């Protein structure tokens, strides 16, 4: 087959795989991509095995955080569970501040350097940097507020 035809097919495959706007595990986009890949590679005689498993998927909803007269711009993790919490607010921006703060049963606002990147899932086997593990360990030790009411 001519090189330009193969290149065109490759672009078509990449476009199909990248087309779903969200391909995180558990999402409809991920299922669509897996189905496309499985069907495509099956046409070439390759056998595939997919194992379904229960997985949370993110549904965007309203999120807000306010303190007295101040509203904060906040972002939630794609895998955060809903919460409805009223408590004192503690804001920190570094791992060192987290290590030294008293935030048990309080709302903990991570901002600045400590929130500069999304934390990888806690037990993610492919990529689990030490500084993320350190933050998770501190959060588990510090026990910031948890929802006591149904959302």
C-alpha atoms as a PDB file:
ATOM      1  CA  UNK A   1       0.000   0.000   0.000  1.00  0.00           C
ATOM      2  CA  UNK A   2       1.296   3.454  -0.791  1.00  0.00           C
ATOM      3  CA  UNK A   3       2.846   5.472   1.989  1.00  0.00           C
ATOM      4  CA  UNK A   4       0.379   8.398   1.755  1.00  0.00           C
ATOM      5  CA  UNK A   5      -2.575   5.995   2.020  1.00  0.00           C
ATOM      6  CA  UNK A   6      -1.089   4.427   5.173  1.00  0.00           C
ATOM      7  CA  UNK A   7      -0.408   7.877   6.617  1.00  0.00           C
ATOM      8  CA  UNK A   8      -4.024   8.862   5.933  1.00  0.00           C
ATOM      9  CA  UNK A   9      -5.309   5.733   7.675  1.00  0.00           C
ATOM     10  CA  UNK A  10      -3.032   6.375  10.641  1.00  0.00           C
ATOM     11  CA  UNK A  11      -4.410   9.929  10.943  1.00  0.00           C
ATOM     12  CA  UNK A  12      -7.968   8.576  10.745  1.00  0.00           C
ATOM     13  CA  UNK A  13      -7.257   6.100  13.556  1.00  0.00           C
ATOM     14  CA  UNK A  14      -5.602   8.735  15.737  1.00  0.00           C
ATOM     15  CA  UNK A  15      -8.468  11.162  15.113  1.00  0.00           C
ATOM     16  CA  UNK A  16     -11.003   8.462  16.067  1.00  0.00           C
ATOM     17  CA  UNK A  17      -9.140   7.613  19.268  1.00  0.00           C
ATOM     18  CA  UNK A  18      -8.703  11.272  20.223  1.00  0.00           C
ATOM     19  CA  UNK A  19     -12.217  12.399  19.184  1.00  0.00           C
ATOM     20  CA  UNK A  20     -14.040  11.684  22.462  1.00  0.00           C
ATOM     21  CA  UNK A  21     -13.601  14.788  24.608  1.00  0.00           C
ATOM     22  CA  UNK A  22     -13.027  12.785  27.805  1.00  0.00           C
ATOM     23  CA  UNK A  23     -11.323   9.402  27.868  1.00  0.00           C
ATOM     24  CA  UNK A  24     -10.706   9.016  31.581  1.00  0.00           C
ATOM     25  CA  UNK A  25     -11.278   5.542  32.995  1.00  0.00           C
ATOM     26  CA  UNK A  26     -14.968   4.815  33.428  1.00  0.00           C
ATOM     27  CA  UNK A  27     -16.175   7.512  31.037  1.00  0.00           C
ATOM     28  CA  UNK A  28     -18.322   7.083  27.953  1.00  0.00           C
ATOM     29  CA  UNK A  29     -15.430   8.465  25.886  1.00  0.00           C
ATOM     30  CA  UNK A  30     -13.131   5.766  27.225  1.00  0.00           C
ATOM     31  CA  UNK A  31     -15.668   3.043  26.396  1.00  0.00           C
ATOM     32  CA  UNK A  32     -16.098   4.469  22.864  1.00  0.00           C
ATOM     33  CA  UNK A  33     -12.326   4.505  22.332  1.00  0.00           C
ATOM     34  CA  UNK A  34     -11.910   0.923  23.605  1.00  0.00           C
ATOM     35  CA  UNK A  35     -14.760  -0.251  21.361  1.00  0.00           C
ATOM     36  CA  UNK A  36     -13.192   1.468  18.324  1.00  0.00           C
ATOM     37  CA  UNK A  37      -9.747   0.002  19.064  1.00  0.00           C
ATOM     38  CA  UNK A  38     -11.099  -3.499  19.692  1.00  0.00           C
ATOM     39  CA  UNK A  39     -13.156  -3.465  16.471  1.00  0.00           C
ATOM     40  CA  UNK A  40     -10.298  -2.021  14.390  1.00  0.00           C
ATOM     41  CA  UNK A  41      -7.583  -4.374  15.603  1.00  0.00           C
ATOM     42  CA  UNK A  42      -9.985  -7.322  15.374  1.00  0.00           C
ATOM     43  CA  UNK A  43     -10.280  -6.717  11.621  1.00  0.00           C
ATOM     44  CA  UNK A  44      -6.565  -7.506  11.370  1.00  0.00           C
ATOM     45  CA  UNK A  45      -6.933 -10.827  13.148  1.00  0.00           C
ATOM     46  CA  UNK A  46      -5.803  -9.742  16.608  1.00  0.00           C
ATOM     47  CA  UNK A  47      -7.746 -11.028  19.593  1.00  0.00           C
ATOM     48  CA  UNK A  48      -8.520  -8.619  22.396  1.00  0.00           C
ATOM     49  CA  UNK A  49      -9.877  -9.113  25.865  1.00  0.00           C
ATOM     50  CA  UNK A  50     -11.662  -6.378  27.764  1.00  0.00           C
ATOM     51  CA  UNK A  51     -12.627  -6.804  31.371  1.00  0.00           C
ATOM     52  CA  UNK A  52     -15.440  -4.542  32.550  1.00  0.00           C
ATOM     53  CA  UNK A  53     -15.165  -3.266  36.102  1.00  0.00           C
ATOM     54  CA  UNK A  54     -17.111  -0.794  38.227  1.00  0.00           C
ATOM     55  CA  UNK A  55     -15.576   2.664  38.092  1.00  0.00           C
ATOM     56  CA  UNK A  56     -16.701   6.137  39.104  1.00  0.00           C
ATOM     57  CA  UNK A  57     -17.141   8.634  36.312  1.00  0.00           C
ATOM     58  CA  UNK A  58     -17.112  12.372  36.734  1.00  0.00           C
ATOM     59  CA  UNK A  59     -20.263  14.358  36.213  1.00  0.00           C
ATOM     60  CA  UNK A  60     -19.722  18.081  36.408  1.00  0.00           C
ATOM     61  CA  UNK A  61     -21.974  19.831  38.864  1.00  0.00           C
ATOM     62  CA  UNK A  62     -22.059  23.062  40.768  1.00  0.00           C
ATOM     63  CA  UNK A  63     -19.267  23.609  43.249  1.00  0.00           C
ATOM     64  CA  UNK A  64     -18.869  26.533  45.597  1.00  0.00           C
ATOM     65  CA  UNK A  65     -16.788  27.598  48.545  1.00  0.00           C
ATOM     66  CA  UNK A  66     -17.511  30.748  50.502  1.00  0.00           C
ATOM     67  CA  UNK A  67     -16.247  32.309  53.698  1.00  0.00           C
ATOM     68  CA  UNK A  68     -18.092  35.276  55.086  1.00  0.00           C
ATOM     69  CA  UNK A  69     -18.140  37.784  52.200  1.00  0.00           C
ATOM     70  CA  UNK A  70     -15.526  36.008  50.077  1.00  0.00           C
ATOM     71  CA  UNK A  71     -16.252  33.417  47.373  1.00  0.00           C
ATOM     72  CA  UNK A  72     -13.386  31.210  46.230  1.00  0.00           C
ATOM     73  CA  UNK A  73     -12.886  29.821  42.744  1.00  0.00           C
ATOM     74  CA  UNK A  74     -12.618  26.071  43.263  1.00  0.00           C
ATOM     75  CA  UNK A  75     -12.069  23.028  41.072  1.00  0.00           C
ATOM     76  CA  UNK A  76     -12.915  19.474  41.987  1.00  0.00           C
ATOM     77  CA  UNK A  77     -11.149  16.270  41.082  1.00  0.00           C
ATOM     78  CA  UNK A  78     -12.891  14.210  38.416  1.00  0.00           C
ATOM     79  CA  UNK A  79     -13.264  11.471  41.024  1.00  0.00           C
ATOM     80  CA  UNK A  80     -14.343  13.535  44.051  1.00  0.00           C
ATOM     81  CA  UNK A  81     -17.470  12.407  45.810  1.00  0.00           C
ATOM     82  CA  UNK A  82     -20.107  14.988  46.683  1.00  0.00           C
ATOM     83  CA  UNK A  83     -19.949  16.721  50.054  1.00  0.00           C
ATOM     84  CA  UNK A  84     -21.964  19.267  51.985  1.00  0.00           C
ATOM     85  CA  UNK A  85     -19.795  20.598  54.805  1.00  0.00           C
ATOM     86  CA  UNK A  86     -19.890  23.607  57.107  1.00  0.00           C
ATOM     87  CA  UNK A  87     -16.721  24.064  59.175  1.00  0.00           C
ATOM     88  CA  UNK A  88     -13.839  26.414  59.846  1.00  0.00           C
ATOM     89  CA  UNK A  89     -11.602  27.062  56.850  1.00  0.00           C
ATOM     90  CA  UNK A  90      -7.849  26.444  56.828  1.00  0.00           C
ATOM     91  CA  UNK A  91      -5.970  27.549  53.695  1.00  0.00           C
ATOM     92  CA  UNK A  92      -2.503  26.210  52.885  1.00  0.00           C
ATOM     93  CA  UNK A  93      -0.267  26.531  49.840  1.00  0.00           C
ATOM     94  CA  UNK A  94       2.747  24.294  50.518  1.00  0.00           C
ATOM     95  CA  UNK A  95       3.487  20.786  51.741  1.00  0.00           C
ATOM     96  CA  UNK A  96       5.347  22.328  54.688  1.00  0.00           C
ATOM     97  CA  UNK A  97       2.228  24.290  55.684  1.00  0.00           C
ATOM     98  CA  UNK A  98       0.154  21.118  55.404  1.00  0.00           C
ATOM     99  CA  UNK A  99       2.605  19.264  57.658  1.00  0.00           C
ATOM    100  CA  UNK A 100       2.313  21.976  60.325  1.00  0.00           C
ATOM    101  CA  UNK A 101      -1.385  22.829  60.136  1.00  0.00           C
ATOM    102  CA  UNK A 102      -4.220  21.883  62.442  1.00  0.00           C
ATOM    103  CA  UNK A 103      -7.099  21.024  60.129  1.00  0.00           C
ATOM    104  CA  UNK A 104      -8.840  18.040  61.700  1.00  0.00           C
ATOM    105  CA  UNK A 105     -12.577  18.299  60.969  1.00  0.00           C
ATOM    106  CA  UNK A 106     -12.055  21.639  59.168  1.00  0.00           C
ATOM    107  CA  UNK A 107     -12.364  22.559  55.516  1.00  0.00           C
ATOM    108  CA  UNK A 108      -8.890  22.447  54.010  1.00  0.00           C
ATOM    109  CA  UNK A 109      -8.331  24.729  51.032  1.00  0.00           C
ATOM    110  CA  UNK A 110      -5.288  23.735  48.982  1.00  0.00           C
ATOM    111  CA  UNK A 111      -4.027  26.619  46.836  1.00  0.00           C
ATOM    112  CA  UNK A 112      -0.799  27.841  45.313  1.00  0.00           C
ATOM    113  CA  UNK A 113       2.153  25.474  44.893  1.00  0.00           C
ATOM    114  CA  UNK A 114       0.520  22.438  46.553  1.00  0.00           C
ATOM    115  CA  UNK A 115      -2.406  22.688  44.115  1.00  0.00           C
ATOM    116  CA  UNK A 116      -0.360  23.476  41.004  1.00  0.00           C
ATOM    117  CA  UNK A 117      -1.006  20.040  39.510  1.00  0.00           C
ATOM    118  CA  UNK A 118      -3.710  17.426  39.776  1.00  0.00           C
ATOM    119  CA  UNK A 119      -2.773  14.652  42.186  1.00  0.00           C
ATOM    120  CA  UNK A 120      -2.596  11.228  40.638  1.00  0.00           C
ATOM    121  CA  UNK A 121      -5.004   8.654  42.096  1.00  0.00           C
ATOM    122  CA  UNK A 122      -3.585   7.401  45.373  1.00  0.00           C
ATOM    123  CA  UNK A 123      -2.833   3.837  44.286  1.00  0.00           C
ATOM    124  CA  UNK A 124      -2.198   4.507  40.607  1.00  0.00           C
ATOM    125  CA  UNK A 125       0.345   1.870  39.598  1.00  0.00           C
ATOM    126  CA  UNK A 126       1.672   3.474  36.407  1.00  0.00           C
ATOM    127  CA  UNK A 127       2.694   6.847  37.833  1.00  0.00           C
ATOM    128  CA  UNK A 128       2.703   7.667  41.523  1.00  0.00           C
ATOM    129  CA  UNK A 129       5.227  10.411  42.344  1.00  0.00           C
ATOM    130  CA  UNK A 130       6.626  10.613  45.857  1.00  0.00           C
ATOM    131  CA  UNK A 131       5.461  14.206  46.421  1.00  0.00           C
ATOM    132  CA  UNK A 132       1.860  13.105  45.696  1.00  0.00           C
ATOM    133  CA  UNK A 133       2.236  10.174  48.107  1.00  0.00           C
ATOM    134  CA  UNK A 134       3.514  12.611  50.743  1.00  0.00           C
ATOM    135  CA  UNK A 135       0.473  14.866  50.319  1.00  0.00           C
ATOM    136  CA  UNK A 136      -1.925  11.904  50.582  1.00  0.00           C
ATOM    137  CA  UNK A 137      -0.165  10.647  53.718  1.00  0.00           C
ATOM    138  CA  UNK A 138      -0.412  14.084  55.324  1.00  0.00           C
ATOM    139  CA  UNK A 139      -4.084  14.445  54.374  1.00  0.00           C
ATOM    140  CA  UNK A 140      -4.887  11.063  55.886  1.00  0.00           C
ATOM    141  CA  UNK A 141      -2.980  11.978  59.040  1.00  0.00           C
ATOM    142  CA  UNK A 142      -4.498  15.473  59.346  1.00  0.00           C
ATOM    143  CA  UNK A 143      -8.106  14.322  58.697  1.00  0.00           C
ATOM    144  CA  UNK A 144      -9.708  17.487  57.339  1.00  0.00           C
ATOM    145  CA  UNK A 145     -13.529  17.755  57.499  1.00  0.00           C
ATOM    146  CA  UNK A 146     -15.751  15.158  55.965  1.00  0.00           C
ATOM    147  CA  UNK A 147     -19.364  15.426  54.980  1.00  0.00           C
ATOM    148  CA  UNK A 148     -21.776  14.714  57.821  1.00  0.00           C
ATOM    149  CA  UNK A 149     -24.883  15.423  55.727  1.00  0.00           C
ATOM    150  CA  UNK A 150     -26.190  13.953  52.505  1.00  0.00           C
ATOM    151  CA  UNK A 151     -25.442  16.164  49.510  1.00  0.00           C
END
